[in-house]
């Protein structure tokens, strides 16, 4: 049964356990919503988006919303910088950016939008 309060939100601090914590919450919500078959891809996508936000060193929010058998994952932070996908075959010394290649490969869609001063990086995971 889907909760009446959607999206489900959790605030996380930029500590090293942020991604595992988000995946644990995700696992519980997907089971509750009858979307357990999305766990593997949604867990990877959520982990990558959370890891990117945690690097900013600020508290951020993860929103999870079931949508017609799919899952919308949103990570909200206050950074003005939009994430950039790095070339997988480019500079091997460059830090970051390759996680978005994984997100793009696993998600049915992803993007970035602004909510006032906040940035939302979203991905939709579908069966």
Protein backbone atom coordinates (compact mmCIF):
# COMPACT_ATOMS: atom_id res chain seq x y z
CA UNK A 1 0.00 0.00 0.00
CA UNK A 2 1.33 3.44 -0.92
CA UNK A 3 1.63 6.00 1.86
CA UNK A 4 -0.67 8.99 1.72
CA UNK A 5 2.27 11.32 2.38
CA UNK A 6 4.28 11.40 -0.81
CA UNK A 7 6.97 12.00 -1.68
CA UNK A 8 8.79 10.18 1.10
CA UNK A 9 11.65 12.45 2.21
CA UNK A 10 14.74 11.91 4.29
CA UNK A 11 17.38 14.50 5.19
CA UNK A 12 20.94 13.25 5.29
CA UNK A 13 24.22 14.73 6.41
CA UNK A 14 27.30 14.46 4.22
CA UNK A 15 28.86 11.72 6.28
CA UNK A 16 30.31 8.62 4.68
CA UNK A 17 27.29 6.46 5.62
CA UNK A 18 24.82 8.67 3.68
CA UNK A 19 24.60 6.38 0.64
CA UNK A 20 24.10 3.14 2.63
CA UNK A 21 21.52 4.89 4.82
CA UNK A 22 19.61 6.10 1.76
CA UNK A 23 19.69 2.61 0.21
CA UNK A 24 18.33 1.09 3.43
CA UNK A 25 15.41 3.53 3.46
CA UNK A 26 14.89 2.89 -0.26
CA UNK A 27 14.71 -0.86 0.31
CA UNK A 28 11.98 -0.43 2.95
CA UNK A 29 9.94 1.97 0.82
CA UNK A 30 10.14 -0.16 -2.33
CA UNK A 31 8.92 -3.20 -0.43
CA UNK A 32 6.09 -1.18 1.12
CA UNK A 33 5.09 0.20 -2.30
CA UNK A 34 5.25 -3.20 -4.04
CA UNK A 35 8.21 -2.11 -6.17
CA UNK A 36 10.87 -4.47 -4.82
CA UNK A 37 11.84 -5.52 -8.37
CA UNK A 38 13.39 -2.05 -8.83
CA UNK A 39 15.73 -2.43 -5.84
CA UNK A 40 18.97 -3.25 -7.66
CA UNK A 41 18.86 -0.43 -10.22
CA UNK A 42 17.18 2.05 -7.86
CA UNK A 43 19.74 1.29 -5.16
CA UNK A 44 22.63 1.98 -7.51
CA UNK A 45 21.05 5.16 -8.89
CA UNK A 46 20.21 6.44 -5.40
CA UNK A 47 23.70 5.63 -4.13
CA UNK A 48 25.34 7.56 -6.97
CA UNK A 49 23.11 10.63 -6.58
CA UNK A 50 23.56 10.64 -2.79
CA UNK A 51 27.34 10.27 -3.10
CA UNK A 52 27.43 13.32 -5.37
CA UNK A 53 25.39 15.39 -2.91
CA UNK A 54 27.43 14.23 0.08
CA UNK A 55 30.61 15.57 -1.54
CA UNK A 56 29.20 19.10 -1.15
CA UNK A 57 29.55 18.92 2.63
CA UNK A 58 26.01 20.11 3.38
CA UNK A 59 22.80 18.51 4.57
CA UNK A 60 20.65 17.39 1.63
CA UNK A 61 17.30 15.71 1.06
CA UNK A 62 16.40 12.50 -0.75
CA UNK A 63 12.84 12.25 -2.08
CA UNK A 64 11.33 8.96 -3.20
CA UNK A 65 8.05 8.91 -5.10
CA UNK A 66 6.35 5.87 -6.66
CA UNK A 67 4.92 6.68 -10.11
CA UNK A 68 2.89 4.15 -12.11
CA UNK A 69 5.10 1.16 -11.31
CA UNK A 70 8.30 3.22 -11.51
CA UNK A 71 10.24 5.22 -8.92
CA UNK A 72 11.25 8.87 -9.00
CA UNK A 73 14.43 9.51 -7.00
CA UNK A 74 15.27 13.16 -6.30
CA UNK A 75 18.25 14.52 -4.40
CA UNK A 76 17.90 18.14 -3.33
CA UNK A 77 20.84 20.31 -2.26
CA UNK A 78 21.74 23.98 -2.09
CA UNK A 79 24.68 23.91 -4.49
CA UNK A 80 24.42 26.27 -7.47
CA UNK A 81 26.59 23.92 -9.56
CA UNK A 82 24.91 21.49 -11.92
CA UNK A 83 26.42 18.02 -12.14
CA UNK A 84 28.45 17.20 -15.21
CA UNK A 85 28.90 13.84 -16.87
CA UNK A 86 32.56 13.14 -17.47
CA UNK A 87 33.79 11.24 -20.47
CA UNK A 88 34.29 7.62 -19.40
CA UNK A 89 37.40 7.45 -21.57
CA UNK A 90 38.69 10.93 -20.81
CA UNK A 91 41.04 12.14 -18.10
CA UNK A 92 41.60 9.21 -15.77
CA UNK A 93 42.82 11.60 -13.04
CA UNK A 94 39.57 13.62 -13.01
CA UNK A 95 37.48 13.17 -9.90
CA UNK A 96 33.72 12.62 -10.01
CA UNK A 97 31.20 12.72 -12.80
CA UNK A 98 31.38 9.10 -13.84
CA UNK A 99 28.60 8.12 -11.45
CA UNK A 100 26.20 10.05 -13.65
CA UNK A 101 27.13 7.75 -16.52
CA UNK A 102 25.85 4.90 -14.38
CA UNK A 103 22.69 6.85 -13.53
CA UNK A 104 22.10 7.60 -17.22
CA UNK A 105 22.59 3.92 -18.11
CA UNK A 106 20.22 2.56 -15.45
CA UNK A 107 17.50 5.21 -15.31
CA UNK A 108 14.61 5.65 -17.72
CA UNK A 109 15.47 9.36 -17.56
CA UNK A 110 17.34 11.83 -15.41
CA UNK A 111 17.97 15.54 -15.20
CA UNK A 112 18.47 18.64 -13.12
CA UNK A 113 16.03 21.39 -12.24
CA UNK A 114 15.95 24.36 -9.88
CA UNK A 115 13.53 24.83 -7.00
CA UNK A 116 14.27 28.39 -5.99
CA UNK A 117 17.79 28.43 -4.57
CA UNK A 118 17.96 24.64 -4.46
CA UNK A 119 19.05 22.17 -7.10
CA UNK A 120 17.19 18.90 -7.70
CA UNK A 121 18.95 16.04 -9.46
CA UNK A 122 16.36 13.45 -10.39
CA UNK A 123 16.22 10.01 -11.97
CA UNK A 124 13.27 7.81 -12.88
CA UNK A 125 13.84 4.08 -12.47
CA UNK A 126 11.39 1.86 -14.30
CA UNK A 127 11.04 -1.91 -14.70
